[in-house]
Each structure stands twice: as structure tokens, then as C-alpha cells.
């Protein structure tokens, strides 16, 4: 099961055509405003940030999801890349870092879960897992993350012979960019 949570008012109709910029204060406020709803509707037991952009909102959100008397929600990171690398000779490589990268067609996995501090991959089974990223402009990266995590959970469930609660994924993004 997977559902998407995102702050209201962060949706645009542009697609790759303009660069959306948010200040740190705006990101902080979006996370703060979304946290009560996430706690009420989902109550995550684990957060997975999609890097690089999901690390900052995940860390901020984690602070607002803390409930008195409970430990912090564990947080893991996965590295996924959909954007094509600009060639080093491209004029925007250093002089104009604000140039918009074009989305690629293939997701590249650069880092995956590390459960050395939390135990084994079996710790995903039966949990409510919140996946965090900063922008959803094609749904490709998020879809890849969910499918790969579901594969990991299925394999771990079979290994354990687990028949209990299902693992549930929910997605939080700061900005959803929808096509025209």
C-alpha cells in the first residue's frame, strides 16, 4: 500500500521549464505544517530519504514528528539519480549552476539501505515507512524506490515466514510538479 502526502500549495503545472526555489525557512515551514497530518494519518516507524534532495526535508520533518516520551523515528537514506549529468565542458557546469537539468530515463541506484545500526533488512517487515523526497516531477524515482523497497520487504517476509501486518509505504514530497 502506498499513498502520497504533500503539503498543500506546492503543486505547479510546469514541467522542467522553470526552477522552483524555496528558502530554508520555507522548507522548514512546509515540514512543520505537514507533520501533524503525517502523525495523525500515518504514524511512521521508519523514514527513508531519497538522496540527494530528500535528506534535508527528511531531517527537518523528523524533528517535527518526534513525540514526547518516544525515541526519534529511525532514518535511512537511499541514493537514486534520474538526472543526466551535465558534461564538464557544458557552459552551465560551473558558471551558471542554476541551469535546469533534464530528467533522464533510467534511475541509477547510488546507495541503498544500511541496517547495520538497526539490524537486518527484516526490520522493514510490518512497518509504516515514510519515503521523503524534495520534488516529484516525473514519478519515476519514487516509483522505483517503492518497487525496490517492496521487493526487499517481500524477500524478507518470505525468509521470516511472516504472516502479520503488511508493510505500508507513504510518500512525502515538498513539491509536486505536474505536466500541463
C-alpha atoms as a PDB file:
ATOM      1  CA  UNK A   1       0.000   0.000   0.000  1.00  0.00           C
ATOM      2  CA  UNK A   2       1.347   3.379  -0.897  1.00  0.00           C
ATOM      3  CA  UNK A   3      -0.082   6.867  -0.679  1.00  0.00           C
ATOM      4  CA  UNK A   4       1.362  10.288  -1.319  1.00  0.00           C
ATOM      5  CA  UNK A   5       1.344  13.072   1.245  1.00  0.00           C
ATOM      6  CA  UNK A   6       2.435  16.529   0.236  1.00  0.00           C
ATOM      7  CA  UNK A   7       1.914  19.987   1.645  1.00  0.00           C
ATOM      8  CA  UNK A   8      -0.920  21.919   0.072  1.00  0.00           C
ATOM      9  CA  UNK A   9       0.031  24.749  -2.229  1.00  0.00           C
ATOM     10  CA  UNK A  10       3.257  23.202  -3.524  1.00  0.00           C
ATOM     11  CA  UNK A  11       1.973  21.956  -6.852  1.00  0.00           C
ATOM     12  CA  UNK A  12       2.833  23.610 -10.169  1.00  0.00           C
ATOM     13  CA  UNK A  13       1.850  22.932 -13.756  1.00  0.00           C
ATOM     14  CA  UNK A  14       5.328  23.487 -15.153  1.00  0.00           C
ATOM     15  CA  UNK A  15       7.453  20.574 -16.207  1.00  0.00           C
ATOM     16  CA  UNK A  16      11.220  21.012 -16.360  1.00  0.00           C
ATOM     17  CA  UNK A  17      10.624  24.536 -17.632  1.00  0.00           C
ATOM     18  CA  UNK A  18      11.377  26.558 -14.549  1.00  0.00           C
ATOM     19  CA  UNK A  19      13.432  26.047 -11.481  1.00  0.00           C
ATOM     20  CA  UNK A  20      11.490  26.216  -8.237  1.00  0.00           C
ATOM     21  CA  UNK A  21      13.440  27.711  -5.376  1.00  0.00           C
ATOM     22  CA  UNK A  22      12.412  27.520  -1.738  1.00  0.00           C
ATOM     23  CA  UNK A  23      14.258  29.135   1.141  1.00  0.00           C
ATOM     24  CA  UNK A  24      15.352  27.080   4.123  1.00  0.00           C
ATOM     25  CA  UNK A  25      12.663  28.846   6.142  1.00  0.00           C
ATOM     26  CA  UNK A  26      10.001  27.843   3.607  1.00  0.00           C
ATOM     27  CA  UNK A  27      11.156  24.203   3.614  1.00  0.00           C
ATOM     28  CA  UNK A  28      11.136  24.260   7.420  1.00  0.00           C
ATOM     29  CA  UNK A  29       7.587  25.671   7.457  1.00  0.00           C
ATOM     30  CA  UNK A  30       6.290  23.143   4.894  1.00  0.00           C
ATOM     31  CA  UNK A  31       7.657  20.283   7.001  1.00  0.00           C
ATOM     32  CA  UNK A  32       6.278  21.801  10.203  1.00  0.00           C
ATOM     33  CA  UNK A  33       2.823  22.235   8.668  1.00  0.00           C
ATOM     34  CA  UNK A  34       2.742  18.689   7.260  1.00  0.00           C
ATOM     35  CA  UNK A  35       3.941  16.881  10.401  1.00  0.00           C
ATOM     36  CA  UNK A  36       0.653  16.853  12.380  1.00  0.00           C
ATOM     37  CA  UNK A  37      -1.201  15.309   9.450  1.00  0.00           C
ATOM     38  CA  UNK A  38       1.513  12.696   8.923  1.00  0.00           C
ATOM     39  CA  UNK A  39       1.396  11.778  12.614  1.00  0.00           C
ATOM     40  CA  UNK A  40      -2.393  11.633  12.624  1.00  0.00           C
ATOM     41  CA  UNK A  41      -2.838   9.734   9.341  1.00  0.00           C
ATOM     42  CA  UNK A  42       0.257   7.554   9.142  1.00  0.00           C
ATOM     43  CA  UNK A  43       2.434   7.416  12.292  1.00  0.00           C
ATOM     44  CA  UNK A  44       5.667   6.388  10.545  1.00  0.00           C
ATOM     45  CA  UNK A  45       8.026   3.938  12.221  1.00  0.00           C
ATOM     46  CA  UNK A  46      10.890   4.475   9.778  1.00  0.00           C
ATOM     47  CA  UNK A  47      11.826   7.270   7.375  1.00  0.00           C
ATOM     48  CA  UNK A  48      13.738   6.712   4.148  1.00  0.00           C
ATOM     49  CA  UNK A  49      15.169   9.816   2.478  1.00  0.00           C
ATOM     50  CA  UNK A  50      15.874   9.763  -1.235  1.00  0.00           C
ATOM     51  CA  UNK A  51      19.196  11.483  -1.775  1.00  0.00           C
ATOM     52  CA  UNK A  52      20.384  13.938  -2.507  1.00  0.00           C
ATOM     53  CA  UNK A  53      17.328  16.221  -2.248  1.00  0.00           C
ATOM     54  CA  UNK A  54      15.292  14.253   0.283  1.00  0.00           C
ATOM     55  CA  UNK A  55      17.875  14.350   3.072  1.00  0.00           C
ATOM     56  CA  UNK A  56      17.201  17.907   4.229  1.00  0.00           C
ATOM     57  CA  UNK A  57      13.388  17.733   4.343  1.00  0.00           C
ATOM     58  CA  UNK A  58      13.567  14.288   5.972  1.00  0.00           C
ATOM     59  CA  UNK A  59      15.820  15.586   8.732  1.00  0.00           C
ATOM     60  CA  UNK A  60      13.636  18.638   9.337  1.00  0.00           C
ATOM     61  CA  UNK A  61      10.453  16.572   9.233  1.00  0.00           C
ATOM     62  CA  UNK A  62      11.905  14.077  11.694  1.00  0.00           C
ATOM     63  CA  UNK A  63      12.195  16.845  14.307  1.00  0.00           C
ATOM     64  CA  UNK A  64       8.503  17.681  13.940  1.00  0.00           C
ATOM     65  CA  UNK A  65       7.436  14.026  14.036  1.00  0.00           C
ATOM     66  CA  UNK A  66       9.059  13.474  17.433  1.00  0.00           C
ATOM     67  CA  UNK A  67       6.504  12.706  20.110  1.00  0.00           C
ATOM     68  CA  UNK A  68       7.257  13.235  23.819  1.00  0.00           C
ATOM     69  CA  UNK A  69       8.406  10.098  25.577  1.00  0.00           C
ATOM     70  CA  UNK A  70       9.166   8.272  22.320  1.00  0.00           C
ATOM     71  CA  UNK A  71      12.501   7.787  20.592  1.00  0.00           C
ATOM     72  CA  UNK A  72      13.217   9.573  17.317  1.00  0.00           C
ATOM     73  CA  UNK A  73      11.975   7.839  14.212  1.00  0.00           C
ATOM     74  CA  UNK A  74      14.905   5.966  12.662  1.00  0.00           C
ATOM     75  CA  UNK A  75      16.016   7.424   9.348  1.00  0.00           C
ATOM     76  CA  UNK A  76      17.810   5.737   6.460  1.00  0.00           C
ATOM     77  CA  UNK A  77      18.935   7.103   3.118  1.00  0.00           C
ATOM     78  CA  UNK A  78      18.900   5.727  -0.391  1.00  0.00           C
ATOM     79  CA  UNK A  79      20.683   7.334  -3.293  1.00  0.00           C
ATOM     80  CA  UNK A  80      18.808   7.442  -6.581  1.00  0.00           C
ATOM     81  CA  UNK A  81      19.551   9.595  -9.592  1.00  0.00           C
ATOM     82  CA  UNK A  82      17.340  10.289 -12.577  1.00  0.00           C
ATOM     83  CA  UNK A  83      19.001  13.427 -13.882  1.00  0.00           C
ATOM     84  CA  UNK A  84      21.506  13.334 -16.664  1.00  0.00           C
ATOM     85  CA  UNK A  85      24.915  14.619 -15.675  1.00  0.00           C
ATOM     86  CA  UNK A  86      25.925  17.800 -17.424  1.00  0.00           C
ATOM     87  CA  UNK A  87      29.121  17.320 -19.424  1.00  0.00           C
ATOM     88  CA  UNK A  88      32.130  19.047 -17.809  1.00  0.00           C
ATOM     89  CA  UNK A  89      32.504  21.298 -20.867  1.00  0.00           C
ATOM     90  CA  UNK A  90      28.884  22.456 -20.694  1.00  0.00           C
ATOM     91  CA  UNK A  91      28.799  26.177 -20.015  1.00  0.00           C
ATOM     92  CA  UNK A  92      26.487  25.723 -17.038  1.00  0.00           C
ATOM     93  CA  UNK A  93      28.685  23.204 -15.273  1.00  0.00           C
ATOM     94  CA  UNK A  94      30.327  25.856 -13.127  1.00  0.00           C
ATOM     95  CA  UNK A  95      29.459  29.360 -14.261  1.00  0.00           C
ATOM     96  CA  UNK A  96      25.659  29.040 -14.105  1.00  0.00           C
ATOM     97  CA  UNK A  97      24.757  26.368 -11.553  1.00  0.00           C
ATOM     98  CA  UNK A  98      21.088  27.411 -11.760  1.00  0.00           C
ATOM     99  CA  UNK A  99      20.585  25.800 -15.168  1.00  0.00           C
ATOM    100  CA  UNK A 100      17.871  23.171 -15.086  1.00  0.00           C
ATOM    101  CA  UNK A 101      18.980  19.608 -15.632  1.00  0.00           C
ATOM    102  CA  UNK A 102      16.936  17.425 -17.937  1.00  0.00           C
ATOM    103  CA  UNK A 103      15.369  14.333 -16.439  1.00  0.00           C
ATOM    104  CA  UNK A 104      16.853  11.108 -17.660  1.00  0.00           C
ATOM    105  CA  UNK A 105      15.006   7.923 -18.440  1.00  0.00           C
ATOM    106  CA  UNK A 106      16.834   5.459 -16.211  1.00  0.00           C
ATOM    107  CA  UNK A 107      17.064   5.519 -12.427  1.00  0.00           C
ATOM    108  CA  UNK A 108      20.575   4.889 -11.154  1.00  0.00           C
ATOM    109  CA  UNK A 109      20.948   3.396  -7.685  1.00  0.00           C
ATOM    110  CA  UNK A 110      23.932   5.010  -5.982  1.00  0.00           C
ATOM    111  CA  UNK A 111      23.252   3.935  -2.380  1.00  0.00           C
ATOM    112  CA  UNK A 112      20.853   1.530  -0.685  1.00  0.00           C
ATOM    113  CA  UNK A 113      19.743   0.806   2.857  1.00  0.00           C
ATOM    114  CA  UNK A 114      22.268   0.169   5.605  1.00  0.00           C
ATOM    115  CA  UNK A 115      20.787  -1.638   8.553  1.00  0.00           C
ATOM    116  CA  UNK A 116      23.974  -2.249  10.495  1.00  0.00           C
ATOM    117  CA  UNK A 117      22.667   0.051  13.235  1.00  0.00           C
ATOM    118  CA  UNK A 118      19.069  -1.174  13.107  1.00  0.00           C
ATOM    119  CA  UNK A 119      19.533  -4.883  12.473  1.00  0.00           C
ATOM    120  CA  UNK A 120      18.807  -6.629   9.193  1.00  0.00           C
ATOM    121  CA  UNK A 121      16.526  -5.909   6.236  1.00  0.00           C
ATOM    122  CA  UNK A 122      13.847  -7.887   8.091  1.00  0.00           C
ATOM    123  CA  UNK A 123      13.277  -4.730  10.147  1.00  0.00           C
ATOM    124  CA  UNK A 124      11.279  -3.365   7.195  1.00  0.00           C
ATOM    125  CA  UNK A 125       8.620  -6.059   7.599  1.00  0.00           C
ATOM    126  CA  UNK A 126       5.336  -4.936   9.143  1.00  0.00           C
ATOM    127  CA  UNK A 127       6.396  -1.289   9.441  1.00  0.00           C
ATOM    128  CA  UNK A 128       4.913   2.031   8.361  1.00  0.00           C
ATOM    129  CA  UNK A 129       7.656   3.581   6.244  1.00  0.00           C
ATOM    130  CA  UNK A 130       7.667   7.210   5.130  1.00  0.00           C
ATOM    131  CA  UNK A 131       9.681   7.875   1.953  1.00  0.00           C
ATOM    132  CA  UNK A 132      10.813  11.516   1.660  1.00  0.00           C
ATOM    133  CA  UNK A 133      11.999  13.428  -1.396  1.00  0.00           C
ATOM    134  CA  UNK A 134      12.138  17.102  -2.266  1.00  0.00           C
ATOM    135  CA  UNK A 135      10.411  17.067  -5.664  1.00  0.00           C
ATOM    136  CA  UNK A 136       8.249  14.739  -7.715  1.00  0.00           C
ATOM    137  CA  UNK A 137       8.366  15.814 -11.325  1.00  0.00           C
ATOM    138  CA  UNK A 138       8.083  12.519 -13.212  1.00  0.00           C
ATOM    139  CA  UNK A 139       7.142   9.996 -10.505  1.00  0.00           C
ATOM    140  CA  UNK A 140       9.921   7.784 -11.903  1.00  0.00           C
ATOM    141  CA  UNK A 141      12.289   7.941  -8.922  1.00  0.00           C
ATOM    142  CA  UNK A 142       9.519   7.494  -6.358  1.00  0.00           C
ATOM    143  CA  UNK A 143       8.043   4.583  -8.291  1.00  0.00           C
ATOM    144  CA  UNK A 144      11.469   2.944  -8.496  1.00  0.00           C
ATOM    145  CA  UNK A 145      12.060   3.411  -4.754  1.00  0.00           C
ATOM    146  CA  UNK A 146       8.703   1.927  -3.769  1.00  0.00           C
ATOM    147  CA  UNK A 147       9.014  -1.057  -6.132  1.00  0.00           C
ATOM    148  CA  UNK A 148      12.543  -1.866  -4.966  1.00  0.00           C
ATOM    149  CA  UNK A 149      11.609  -1.498  -1.288  1.00  0.00           C
ATOM    150  CA  UNK A 150       8.547  -3.709  -1.836  1.00  0.00           C
ATOM    151  CA  UNK A 151      10.845  -6.359  -3.352  1.00  0.00           C
ATOM    152  CA  UNK A 152      13.102  -6.159  -0.281  1.00  0.00           C
ATOM    153  CA  UNK A 153      10.109  -6.465   2.063  1.00  0.00           C
ATOM    154  CA  UNK A 154       8.670  -9.408   0.113  1.00  0.00           C
ATOM    155  CA  UNK A 155      12.006 -11.252   0.211  1.00  0.00           C
ATOM    156  CA  UNK A 156      12.425 -10.581   3.945  1.00  0.00           C
ATOM    157  CA  UNK A 157       8.811 -11.629   4.660  1.00  0.00           C
ATOM    158  CA  UNK A 158       9.318 -14.934   2.826  1.00  0.00           C
ATOM    159  CA  UNK A 159      12.583 -15.527   4.660  1.00  0.00           C
ATOM    160  CA  UNK A 160      10.832 -14.963   8.002  1.00  0.00           C
ATOM    161  CA  UNK A 161       7.638 -16.774   7.050  1.00  0.00           C
ATOM    162  CA  UNK A 162       5.931 -13.561   8.148  1.00  0.00           C
ATOM    163  CA  UNK A 163       2.135 -13.530   8.063  1.00  0.00           C
ATOM    164  CA  UNK A 164       1.495 -10.494  10.292  1.00  0.00           C
ATOM    165  CA  UNK A 165       0.859  -6.863   9.430  1.00  0.00           C
ATOM    166  CA  UNK A 166       1.813  -5.692   5.981  1.00  0.00           C
ATOM    167  CA  UNK A 167       4.484  -3.078   5.437  1.00  0.00           C
ATOM    168  CA  UNK A 168       2.899   0.200   4.366  1.00  0.00           C
ATOM    169  CA  UNK A 169       4.731   2.904   2.440  1.00  0.00           C
ATOM    170  CA  UNK A 170       3.737   6.538   2.291  1.00  0.00           C
ATOM    171  CA  UNK A 171       5.449   9.298   0.349  1.00  0.00           C
ATOM    172  CA  UNK A 172       6.130  12.872   1.413  1.00  0.00           C
ATOM    173  CA  UNK A 173       7.439  15.371  -1.129  1.00  0.00           C
ATOM    174  CA  UNK A 174       7.884  19.101  -0.755  1.00  0.00           C
ATOM    175  CA  UNK A 175       6.907  19.875  -4.329  1.00  0.00           C
ATOM    176  CA  UNK A 176       4.851  18.021  -6.933  1.00  0.00           C
ATOM    177  CA  UNK A 177       5.360  19.269 -10.470  1.00  0.00           C
ATOM    178  CA  UNK A 178       2.577  18.037 -12.745  1.00  0.00           C
ATOM    179  CA  UNK A 179       2.586  18.127 -16.550  1.00  0.00           C
ATOM    180  CA  UNK A 180       0.355  20.630 -18.346  1.00  0.00           C
END
